[in-house]
Amino acid sequence: MIAGDQGAILKVDRVSHAFGARQALRGVSLEVGGGEIYTLLGPNGAGKTTLVRTICGRLKPAGGTVRIAGRDPFADPRARAALGLTPQALALYPWLGVAENLQAFGRLAGLKGDTLRTAVTDAMAVTHLTDRARTPVRHLSGGYQRRANIAAAILARPRLLILDEPTVGVDLGAREAVGEVLKALRAEGVAILLVTHDLDQAVTLADRVGFLRDGEKVVEGAPATLIADAFGARMEVEVALRVGPDSAMALRLTGEGLTPGRESGAWTCLAADGYARAAELAARLGDLEVREIRVRRPSLEQLVARMAGERRAA
């Protein structure tokens, strides 16, 4: 990997693009530096896929510029050679072993001889796949398949690695394992652009996050800073029910200012004095099947929900 380069490897400057009458990107700008994980968030249809296609050189933007290590990925093969892409769908040969897959992809990338052997060995070491080198991909767990997908993308030692939903469909242990791989790559100086709906992963890994909505970047920054700016000193109060509420219970919870949370049976609200509000809710909802009431700092999920609400209001 390229270590020690902390400058901007990826620069996207006021990129716009339309498909007919539909404006997919509206002047999007962002930068990702060496040794940084930048997480791109946004609902379906926000423009994330179009942006990734322009960065990979598969689409020429109608306006603005994209540069990878100072070069245009649409026009310059050297820019594309500095890029590794891990797609959401597994891009591996299921009947081949891990090492055989990496050898095949390395040859496609133009690697030969000792250079290829070293690249395969290094990629398996970084992704903790050495002991699975001979295992056919179809026999690997979902988490190990994801690691192998990443290993294939880093064979040519890219300066920028793009990952599209790298943990979709895997369990918590596998998600954490993939996270450790990304941290190791960051430590080696790779610039990482992570496209995901996994908010827990975004908070855990991202140095910065950017949120796209309707083709525009509406917020960007460190997760903790964005949350603090949005919610100040308010706390999140979560009421967890033992059973799902019927319509009457749901109406009552809504009347208390609570909205459904991400987890089944969880309802949340924000309060300036979270502990006082929790005590109040415990007294007012004591006849319901309340399992527990928790108070915590607002989450990135709350911020995303707020931005989605702003979109609906608009």
Protein backbone atom coordinates (compact mmCIF):
# COMPACT_ATOMS: atom_id res chain seq x y z
CA MET A 1 0.00 0.00 0.00
CA ILE A 2 1.01 3.63 -0.30
CA ALA A 3 1.93 4.84 3.17
CA GLY A 4 2.62 8.28 4.49
CA ASP A 5 0.69 10.30 1.89
CA GLN A 6 -1.89 12.29 3.83
CA GLY A 7 -2.87 14.68 1.02
CA ALA A 8 -6.13 14.52 -0.91
CA ILE A 9 -6.06 11.43 -3.13
CA LEU A 10 -9.63 11.93 -4.37
CA LYS A 11 -10.96 15.37 -5.32
CA VAL A 12 -14.53 15.79 -6.56
CA ASP A 13 -15.23 19.41 -7.51
CA ARG A 14 -18.78 20.64 -8.22
CA VAL A 15 -19.77 17.54 -10.14
CA SER A 16 -23.19 17.52 -11.76
CA HIS A 17 -24.94 15.05 -14.03
CA ALA A 18 -28.42 14.42 -15.38
CA PHE A 19 -30.22 11.52 -16.99
CA GLY A 20 -32.71 13.21 -19.22
CA ALA A 21 -34.83 15.52 -17.08
CA ARG A 22 -33.67 13.89 -13.83
CA GLN A 23 -30.80 15.69 -12.13
CA ALA A 24 -28.79 12.93 -10.44
CA LEU A 25 -25.94 15.09 -9.10
CA ARG A 26 -26.11 18.79 -8.29
CA GLY A 27 -22.68 20.32 -7.80
CA VAL A 28 -21.24 17.71 -5.43
CA SER A 29 -17.77 18.38 -4.00
CA LEU A 30 -15.74 16.23 -1.62
CA GLU A 31 -12.18 15.17 -0.91
CA VAL A 32 -10.69 12.02 0.63
CA GLY A 33 -7.13 12.06 1.91
CA GLY A 34 -4.57 9.31 2.28
CA GLY A 35 -5.13 7.42 5.53
CA GLU A 36 -8.75 8.59 5.82
CA ILE A 37 -12.08 6.74 5.78
CA TYR A 38 -14.87 8.86 4.31
CA THR A 39 -18.35 7.35 4.55
CA LEU A 40 -20.98 8.36 2.00
CA LEU A 41 -24.56 8.12 3.26
CA GLY A 42 -27.93 8.81 1.69
CA PRO A 43 -31.24 7.18 0.78
CA ASN A 44 -31.80 5.19 -2.39
CA GLY A 45 -31.93 7.55 -5.34
CA ALA A 46 -29.78 10.20 -3.64
CA GLY A 47 -27.05 9.99 -6.29
CA LYS A 48 -24.49 7.75 -4.56
CA THR A 49 -24.25 5.23 -7.43
CA THR A 50 -23.92 7.97 -10.04
CA LEU A 51 -21.19 9.64 -8.01
CA VAL A 52 -19.26 6.37 -7.66
CA ARG A 53 -19.54 5.76 -11.41
CA THR A 54 -18.03 9.19 -12.13
CA ILE A 55 -15.21 8.57 -9.65
CA CYS A 56 -14.44 5.19 -11.26
CA GLY A 57 -14.28 6.78 -14.72
CA ARG A 58 -17.31 4.90 -16.01
CA LEU A 59 -19.31 8.07 -16.50
CA LYS A 60 -18.16 11.48 -17.69
CA PRO A 61 -19.87 14.13 -15.54
CA ALA A 62 -21.80 16.84 -17.34
CA GLY A 63 -20.17 19.45 -15.14
CA GLY A 64 -17.32 19.68 -12.66
CA THR A 65 -14.23 17.53 -12.33
CA VAL A 66 -13.03 14.32 -10.66
CA ARG A 67 -9.37 13.74 -9.94
CA ILE A 68 -7.63 10.69 -8.48
CA ALA A 69 -4.03 11.49 -7.57
CA GLY A 70 -4.36 14.55 -9.80
CA ARG A 71 -5.62 12.68 -12.87
CA ASP A 72 -8.99 12.37 -14.60
CA PRO A 73 -10.28 8.77 -14.22
CA PHE A 74 -12.49 9.07 -17.31
CA ALA A 75 -9.61 10.03 -19.59
CA ASP A 76 -6.44 8.75 -17.91
CA PRO A 77 -5.77 5.02 -17.34
CA ARG A 78 -3.21 5.94 -14.68
CA ALA A 79 -5.99 7.39 -12.54
CA ARG A 80 -8.02 4.21 -12.86
CA ALA A 81 -4.92 2.16 -12.00
CA ALA A 82 -4.71 4.04 -8.69
CA LEU A 83 -8.26 2.92 -7.81
CA GLY A 84 -9.55 -0.28 -6.25
CA LEU A 85 -13.28 -1.05 -6.23
CA THR A 86 -15.11 -3.55 -4.03
CA PRO A 87 -18.65 -3.87 -5.46
CA GLN A 88 -21.68 -4.85 -3.41
CA ALA A 89 -22.08 -8.09 -5.38
CA LEU A 90 -19.25 -10.57 -4.91
CA ALA A 91 -16.88 -10.37 -7.89
CA LEU A 92 -15.17 -13.73 -7.35
CA TYR A 93 -15.00 -17.16 -8.97
CA PRO A 94 -16.90 -19.38 -6.49
CA TRP A 95 -15.26 -22.68 -7.55
CA LEU A 96 -11.69 -21.37 -7.18
CA GLY A 97 -9.76 -21.05 -3.94
CA VAL A 98 -8.94 -17.66 -2.44
CA ALA A 99 -5.34 -17.63 -3.71
CA GLU A 100 -6.43 -18.83 -7.16
CA ASN A 101 -8.98 -16.02 -7.34
CA LEU A 102 -6.39 -13.44 -6.39
CA GLN A 103 -3.89 -14.81 -8.90
CA ALA A 104 -6.52 -14.56 -11.64
CA PHE A 105 -7.46 -10.99 -10.76
CA GLY A 106 -3.81 -10.04 -10.37
CA ARG A 107 -3.06 -11.24 -13.91
CA LEU A 108 -6.01 -9.22 -15.20
CA ALA A 109 -4.43 -6.20 -13.48
CA GLY A 110 -1.18 -6.86 -15.33
CA LEU A 111 0.80 -8.38 -12.45
CA LYS A 112 3.27 -11.17 -13.21
CA GLY A 113 5.87 -13.42 -11.61
CA ASP A 114 7.27 -12.43 -8.24
CA THR A 115 5.26 -9.20 -8.26
CA LEU A 116 2.03 -11.19 -8.54
CA ARG A 117 3.05 -13.70 -5.87
CA THR A 118 4.00 -10.91 -3.46
CA ALA A 119 0.76 -9.03 -4.16
CA VAL A 120 -1.35 -12.13 -3.45
CA THR A 121 0.56 -12.90 -0.24
CA ASP A 122 0.28 -9.31 0.99
CA ALA A 123 -3.42 -9.01 0.15
CA MET A 124 -4.24 -12.22 2.01
CA ALA A 125 -2.18 -11.07 5.00
CA VAL A 126 -3.92 -7.70 5.26
CA THR A 127 -7.37 -9.29 5.00
CA HIS A 128 -6.49 -12.21 7.31
CA LEU A 129 -7.11 -14.84 4.64
CA THR A 130 -3.77 -16.63 4.63
CA ASP A 131 -5.17 -19.71 6.39
CA ARG A 132 -8.03 -19.83 3.83
CA ALA A 133 -5.77 -19.60 0.77
CA ARG A 134 -6.83 -22.95 -0.69
CA THR A 135 -10.50 -22.83 0.39
CA PRO A 136 -12.97 -22.48 -2.50
CA VAL A 137 -14.81 -19.18 -2.19
CA ARG A 138 -18.17 -20.94 -2.26
CA HIS A 139 -17.23 -22.69 0.99
CA LEU A 140 -16.35 -19.47 2.82
CA SER A 141 -18.68 -17.71 5.23
CA GLY A 142 -20.20 -14.41 4.11
CA GLY A 143 -17.65 -12.46 6.14
CA TYR A 144 -14.67 -14.26 4.61
CA GLN A 145 -16.14 -13.80 1.14
CA ARG A 146 -16.31 -10.07 1.81
CA ARG A 147 -12.68 -10.09 2.90
CA ALA A 148 -11.71 -11.92 -0.30
CA ASN A 149 -13.62 -9.31 -2.32
CA ILE A 150 -11.54 -6.59 -0.64
CA ALA A 151 -8.32 -8.57 -1.18
CA ALA A 152 -9.01 -8.69 -4.93
CA ALA A 153 -9.45 -4.90 -4.97
CA ILE A 154 -6.13 -4.13 -3.27
CA LEU A 155 -3.84 -6.43 -5.29
CA ALA A 156 -2.44 -3.56 -7.36
CA ARG A 157 -1.84 -1.44 -4.23
CA PRO A 158 -4.43 1.28 -4.96
CA ARG A 159 -4.16 4.73 -3.46
CA LEU A 160 -7.98 4.96 -3.32
CA LEU A 161 -10.28 2.11 -2.34
CA ILE A 162 -14.05 2.38 -2.90
CA LEU A 163 -16.34 -0.06 -1.12
CA ASP A 164 -20.04 -0.34 -1.96
CA GLU A 165 -21.99 -1.86 0.97
CA PRO A 166 -19.14 -4.18 2.00
CA THR A 167 -21.03 -5.68 4.96
CA VAL A 168 -24.48 -6.20 3.47
CA GLY A 169 -25.91 -9.57 4.47
CA VAL A 170 -23.20 -10.49 6.99
CA ASP A 171 -23.43 -10.98 10.76
CA LEU A 172 -21.99 -8.73 13.46
CA GLY A 173 -18.76 -10.71 13.79
CA ALA A 174 -18.11 -10.55 10.06
CA ARG A 175 -18.90 -6.83 10.00
CA GLU A 176 -16.35 -6.21 12.75
CA ALA A 177 -13.76 -8.30 10.88
CA VAL A 178 -14.26 -6.23 7.72
CA GLY A 179 -13.95 -3.09 9.84
CA GLU A 180 -10.57 -4.27 11.15
CA VAL A 181 -9.38 -4.79 7.56
CA LEU A 182 -10.38 -1.23 6.64
CA LYS A 183 -8.59 0.17 9.68
CA ALA A 184 -5.43 -1.69 8.65
CA LEU A 185 -5.65 -0.25 5.13
CA ARG A 186 -6.20 3.26 6.55
CA ALA A 187 -3.08 2.83 8.70
CA GLU A 188 -1.11 2.04 5.53
CA GLY A 189 -2.15 5.34 3.96
CA VAL A 190 -4.95 4.21 1.65
CA ALA A 191 -7.78 6.68 1.03
CA ILE A 192 -11.08 4.86 1.57
CA LEU A 193 -14.52 5.88 0.32
CA LEU A 194 -17.16 3.71 2.01
CA VAL A 195 -20.71 3.74 0.60
CA THR A 196 -23.08 2.17 3.10
CA HIS A 197 -26.46 2.17 4.82
CA ASP A 198 -24.82 0.66 7.92
CA LEU A 199 -24.91 3.60 10.34
CA ASP A 200 -23.20 1.67 13.12
CA GLN A 201 -20.28 0.99 10.81
CA ALA A 202 -20.22 4.63 9.72
CA VAL A 203 -19.90 5.84 13.31
CA THR A 204 -17.30 3.22 14.20
CA LEU A 205 -15.02 3.65 11.18
CA ALA A 206 -15.52 7.03 9.55
CA ASP A 207 -13.18 9.95 10.04
CA ARG A 208 -15.79 11.99 8.15
CA VAL A 209 -19.22 11.33 6.72
CA GLY A 210 -21.05 13.04 3.88
CA PHE A 211 -24.80 12.81 3.30
CA LEU A 212 -26.32 13.02 -0.17
CA ARG A 213 -29.95 13.96 -0.68
CA ASP A 214 -31.57 14.55 -4.07
CA GLY A 215 -28.15 14.76 -5.72
CA GLU A 216 -26.72 17.32 -3.30
CA LYS A 217 -24.27 16.98 -0.43
CA VAL A 218 -26.24 18.46 2.46
CA VAL A 219 -23.90 17.81 5.41
CA GLU A 220 -20.30 16.72 5.90
CA GLY A 221 -18.01 16.31 8.87
CA ALA A 222 -16.87 14.09 11.71
CA PRO A 223 -19.83 12.06 13.03
CA ALA A 224 -19.53 13.32 16.61
CA THR A 225 -19.31 16.93 15.44
CA LEU A 226 -22.34 16.65 13.17
CA ILE A 227 -24.41 15.08 15.95
CA ALA A 228 -23.37 17.77 18.44
CA ASP A 229 -24.14 20.56 15.98
CA ALA A 230 -27.58 19.12 15.21
CA PHE A 231 -28.78 18.26 18.71
CA GLY A 232 -26.75 20.32 21.14
CA ALA A 233 -27.22 19.13 24.72
CA ARG A 234 -30.43 17.19 24.07
CA MET A 235 -30.52 13.50 24.91
CA GLU A 236 -32.25 10.59 23.20
CA VAL A 237 -34.83 8.76 25.30
CA GLU A 238 -35.76 5.28 24.11
CA VAL A 239 -38.77 3.33 25.37
CA ALA A 240 -38.39 -0.40 24.64
CA LEU A 241 -41.62 -2.42 24.71
CA ARG A 242 -41.95 -6.13 25.44
CA VAL A 243 -44.47 -6.56 22.63
CA GLY A 244 -45.30 -4.61 19.50
CA PRO A 245 -47.96 -1.95 20.20
CA ASP A 246 -51.48 -2.20 18.83
CA SER A 247 -53.01 0.84 17.16
CA ALA A 248 -54.29 2.29 20.45
CA MET A 249 -50.89 1.92 22.11
CA ALA A 250 -49.14 3.40 19.08
CA LEU A 251 -51.46 6.41 19.18
CA ARG A 252 -50.68 6.90 22.85
CA LEU A 253 -46.93 6.66 22.30
CA THR A 254 -47.17 9.14 19.45
CA GLY A 255 -49.11 11.46 21.73
CA GLU A 256 -46.15 11.41 24.12
CA GLY A 257 -43.90 12.69 21.34
CA LEU A 258 -42.32 9.30 20.64
CA THR A 259 -41.58 7.94 17.18
CA PRO A 260 -40.69 4.36 16.13
CA GLY A 261 -36.99 3.56 16.38
CA ARG A 262 -34.89 1.28 14.22
CA GLU A 263 -35.28 -1.74 16.51
CA SER A 264 -38.64 -3.50 16.76
CA GLY A 265 -40.62 -2.35 19.80
CA ALA A 266 -38.41 0.72 20.39
CA TRP A 267 -39.82 4.26 20.43
CA THR A 268 -37.67 7.37 20.84
CA CYS A 269 -37.74 11.11 21.43
CA LEU A 270 -35.28 13.91 22.16
CA ALA A 271 -35.36 15.91 25.38
CA ALA A 272 -33.34 18.73 26.91
CA ASP A 273 -33.35 16.87 30.24
CA GLY A 274 -33.31 13.26 29.15
CA TYR A 275 -33.37 11.74 32.63
CA ALA A 276 -36.32 13.84 33.79
CA ARG A 277 -38.19 12.97 30.60
CA ALA A 278 -37.41 9.26 31.11
CA ALA A 279 -38.84 9.39 34.64
CA GLU A 280 -41.93 11.16 33.35
CA LEU A 281 -42.48 8.55 30.64
CA ALA A 282 -41.98 5.72 33.14
CA ALA A 283 -44.78 7.16 35.28
CA ARG A 284 -47.15 7.94 32.38
CA LEU A 285 -46.62 4.63 30.54
CA GLY A 286 -46.40 2.34 33.53
CA ASP A 287 -49.48 0.36 32.49
CA LEU A 288 -47.93 -0.60 29.14
CA GLU A 289 -45.59 -3.52 28.47
CA VAL A 290 -42.45 -1.41 28.91
CA ARG A 291 -39.27 -3.50 29.11
CA GLU A 292 -36.87 -0.63 29.78
CA ILE A 293 -36.28 3.06 29.21
CA ARG A 294 -32.81 4.18 28.14
CA VAL A 295 -31.18 7.61 27.96
CA ARG A 296 -28.20 8.23 25.69
CA ARG A 297 -26.56 10.75 23.44
CA PRO A 298 -28.26 11.19 20.05
CA SER A 299 -26.99 8.91 17.30
CA LEU A 300 -26.12 9.23 13.64
CA GLU A 301 -29.41 7.41 13.04
CA GLN A 302 -31.25 10.34 14.63
CA LEU A 303 -29.40 12.77 12.38
CA VAL A 304 -30.21 10.75 9.26
CA ALA A 305 -33.86 10.53 10.33
CA ARG A 306 -33.94 14.30 10.78
CA MET A 307 -32.54 14.92 7.30
CA ALA A 308 -35.03 12.47 5.81
CA GLY A 309 -37.80 14.37 7.60
CA GLU A 310 -36.54 17.64 6.15
CA ARG A 311 -36.71 16.09 2.70
CA ARG A 312 -40.34 15.05 3.20
CA ALA A 313 -41.24 18.50 4.53
CA ALA A 314 -39.69 20.11 1.47
